[in-house]
Amino acid sequence: MMRNDRERRAMAEQEQHVTTDEARAGSTPHIMRYVLAISLALAVVAMLLVLWL
Protein backbone atom coordinates (compact mmCIF):
# COMPACT_ATOMS: atom_id res chain seq x y z
CA MET A 1 0.00 0.00 0.00
CA MET A 2 2.88 2.37 0.68
CA ARG A 3 4.16 1.90 -2.85
CA ASN A 4 0.76 2.79 -4.26
CA ASP A 5 0.73 6.09 -2.32
CA ARG A 6 4.22 6.88 -3.58
CA GLU A 7 3.14 6.21 -7.16
CA ARG A 8 0.11 8.46 -6.76
CA ARG A 9 2.25 11.31 -5.48
CA ALA A 10 4.68 10.87 -8.36
CA MET A 11 1.82 10.96 -10.85
CA ALA A 12 0.31 14.04 -9.21
CA GLU A 13 3.60 15.89 -9.60
CA GLN A 14 3.65 15.07 -13.32
CA GLU A 15 0.10 16.34 -14.00
CA GLN A 16 -0.28 18.40 -17.13
CA HIS A 17 -2.97 21.02 -17.52
CA VAL A 18 -4.11 21.65 -21.07
CA THR A 19 -6.91 23.71 -22.53
CA THR A 20 -10.08 22.12 -23.84
CA ASP A 21 -9.09 22.68 -27.46
CA GLU A 22 -5.67 21.11 -26.89
CA ALA A 23 -7.22 18.07 -25.21
CA ARG A 24 -9.70 17.59 -28.05
CA ALA A 25 -7.08 18.24 -30.72
CA GLY A 26 -9.39 20.79 -32.32
CA SER A 27 -12.20 23.22 -31.74
CA THR A 28 -15.86 22.46 -31.17
CA PRO A 29 -18.10 24.59 -33.39
CA HIS A 30 -21.42 25.76 -32.03
CA ILE A 31 -23.27 24.61 -35.12
CA MET A 32 -24.42 21.48 -33.31
CA ARG A 33 -26.97 23.48 -31.30
CA TYR A 34 -28.52 24.64 -34.59
CA VAL A 35 -28.57 21.10 -35.96
CA LEU A 36 -30.29 19.91 -32.79
CA ALA A 37 -32.83 22.76 -32.82
CA ILE A 38 -33.71 22.31 -36.50
CA SER A 39 -34.02 18.53 -36.23
CA LEU A 40 -36.18 18.87 -33.12
CA ALA A 41 -38.43 21.37 -34.88
CA LEU A 42 -38.74 19.08 -37.91
CA ALA A 43 -39.59 16.13 -35.68
CA VAL A 44 -42.32 18.14 -33.92
CA VAL A 45 -43.76 19.28 -37.26
CA ALA A 46 -43.72 15.70 -38.56
CA MET A 47 -45.51 14.41 -35.45
CA LEU A 48 -48.13 17.17 -35.72
CA LEU A 49 -48.73 16.28 -39.37
CA VAL A 50 -49.13 12.60 -38.48
CA LEU A 51 -51.60 13.39 -35.71
CA TRP A 52 -53.54 15.91 -37.78
CA LEU A 53 -53.91 13.79 -40.92
C-alpha atoms as a PDB file:
ATOM      1  CA  MET A   1       0.000   0.000   0.000  1.00  0.00           C
ATOM      2  CA  MET A   2       2.879   2.367   0.681  1.00  0.00           C
ATOM      3  CA  ARG A   3       4.164   1.899  -2.847  1.00  0.00           C
ATOM      4  CA  ASN A   4       0.758   2.792  -4.258  1.00  0.00           C
ATOM      5  CA  ASP A   5       0.733   6.090  -2.316  1.00  0.00           C
ATOM      6  CA  ARG A   6       4.218   6.882  -3.577  1.00  0.00           C
ATOM      7  CA  GLU A   7       3.141   6.207  -7.162  1.00  0.00           C
ATOM      8  CA  ARG A   8       0.111   8.464  -6.762  1.00  0.00           C
ATOM      9  CA  ARG A   9       2.251  11.313  -5.480  1.00  0.00           C
ATOM     10  CA  ALA A  10       4.679  10.869  -8.361  1.00  0.00           C
ATOM     11  CA  MET A  11       1.816  10.956 -10.853  1.00  0.00           C
ATOM     12  CA  ALA A  12       0.307  14.043  -9.207  1.00  0.00           C
ATOM     13  CA  GLU A  13       3.600  15.886  -9.602  1.00  0.00           C
ATOM     14  CA  GLN A  14       3.646  15.067 -13.322  1.00  0.00           C
ATOM     15  CA  GLU A  15       0.099  16.340 -13.999  1.00  0.00           C
ATOM     16  CA  GLN A  16      -0.282  18.396 -17.129  1.00  0.00           C
ATOM     17  CA  HIS A  17      -2.966  21.018 -17.520  1.00  0.00           C
ATOM     18  CA  VAL A  18      -4.108  21.647 -21.071  1.00  0.00           C
ATOM     19  CA  THR A  19      -6.909  23.707 -22.528  1.00  0.00           C
ATOM     20  CA  THR A  20     -10.083  22.116 -23.836  1.00  0.00           C
ATOM     21  CA  ASP A  21      -9.093  22.680 -27.456  1.00  0.00           C
ATOM     22  CA  GLU A  22      -5.673  21.108 -26.894  1.00  0.00           C
ATOM     23  CA  ALA A  23      -7.218  18.071 -25.214  1.00  0.00           C
ATOM     24  CA  ARG A  24      -9.701  17.587 -28.047  1.00  0.00           C
ATOM     25  CA  ALA A  25      -7.076  18.242 -30.723  1.00  0.00           C
ATOM     26  CA  GLY A  26      -9.391  20.791 -32.324  1.00  0.00           C
ATOM     27  CA  SER A  27     -12.196  23.215 -31.737  1.00  0.00           C
ATOM     28  CA  THR A  28     -15.858  22.461 -31.174  1.00  0.00           C
ATOM     29  CA  PRO A  29     -18.099  24.591 -33.391  1.00  0.00           C
ATOM     30  CA  HIS A  30     -21.419  25.765 -32.027  1.00  0.00           C
ATOM     31  CA  ILE A  31     -23.269  24.615 -35.125  1.00  0.00           C
ATOM     32  CA  MET A  32     -24.418  21.478 -33.307  1.00  0.00           C
ATOM     33  CA  ARG A  33     -26.969  23.475 -31.302  1.00  0.00           C
ATOM     34  CA  TYR A  34     -28.522  24.641 -34.587  1.00  0.00           C
ATOM     35  CA  VAL A  35     -28.571  21.105 -35.958  1.00  0.00           C
ATOM     36  CA  LEU A  36     -30.294  19.913 -32.788  1.00  0.00           C
ATOM     37  CA  ALA A  37     -32.830  22.764 -32.822  1.00  0.00           C
ATOM     38  CA  ILE A  38     -33.705  22.306 -36.496  1.00  0.00           C
ATOM     39  CA  SER A  39     -34.019  18.527 -36.233  1.00  0.00           C
ATOM     40  CA  LEU A  40     -36.177  18.869 -33.118  1.00  0.00           C
ATOM     41  CA  ALA A  41     -38.435  21.371 -34.882  1.00  0.00           C
ATOM     42  CA  LEU A  42     -38.740  19.082 -37.907  1.00  0.00           C
ATOM     43  CA  ALA A  43     -39.595  16.125 -35.675  1.00  0.00           C
ATOM     44  CA  VAL A  44     -42.317  18.143 -33.919  1.00  0.00           C
ATOM     45  CA  VAL A  45     -43.763  19.277 -37.263  1.00  0.00           C
ATOM     46  CA  ALA A  46     -43.724  15.699 -38.558  1.00  0.00           C
ATOM     47  CA  MET A  47     -45.514  14.410 -35.453  1.00  0.00           C
ATOM     48  CA  LEU A  48     -48.134  17.169 -35.722  1.00  0.00           C
ATOM     49  CA  LEU A  49     -48.726  16.275 -39.369  1.00  0.00           C
ATOM     50  CA  VAL A  50     -49.129  12.601 -38.485  1.00  0.00           C
ATOM     51  CA  LEU A  51     -51.598  13.393 -35.708  1.00  0.00           C
ATOM     52  CA  TRP A  52     -53.535  15.914 -37.783  1.00  0.00           C
ATOM     53  CA  LEU A  53     -53.908  13.788 -40.920  1.00  0.00           C
END
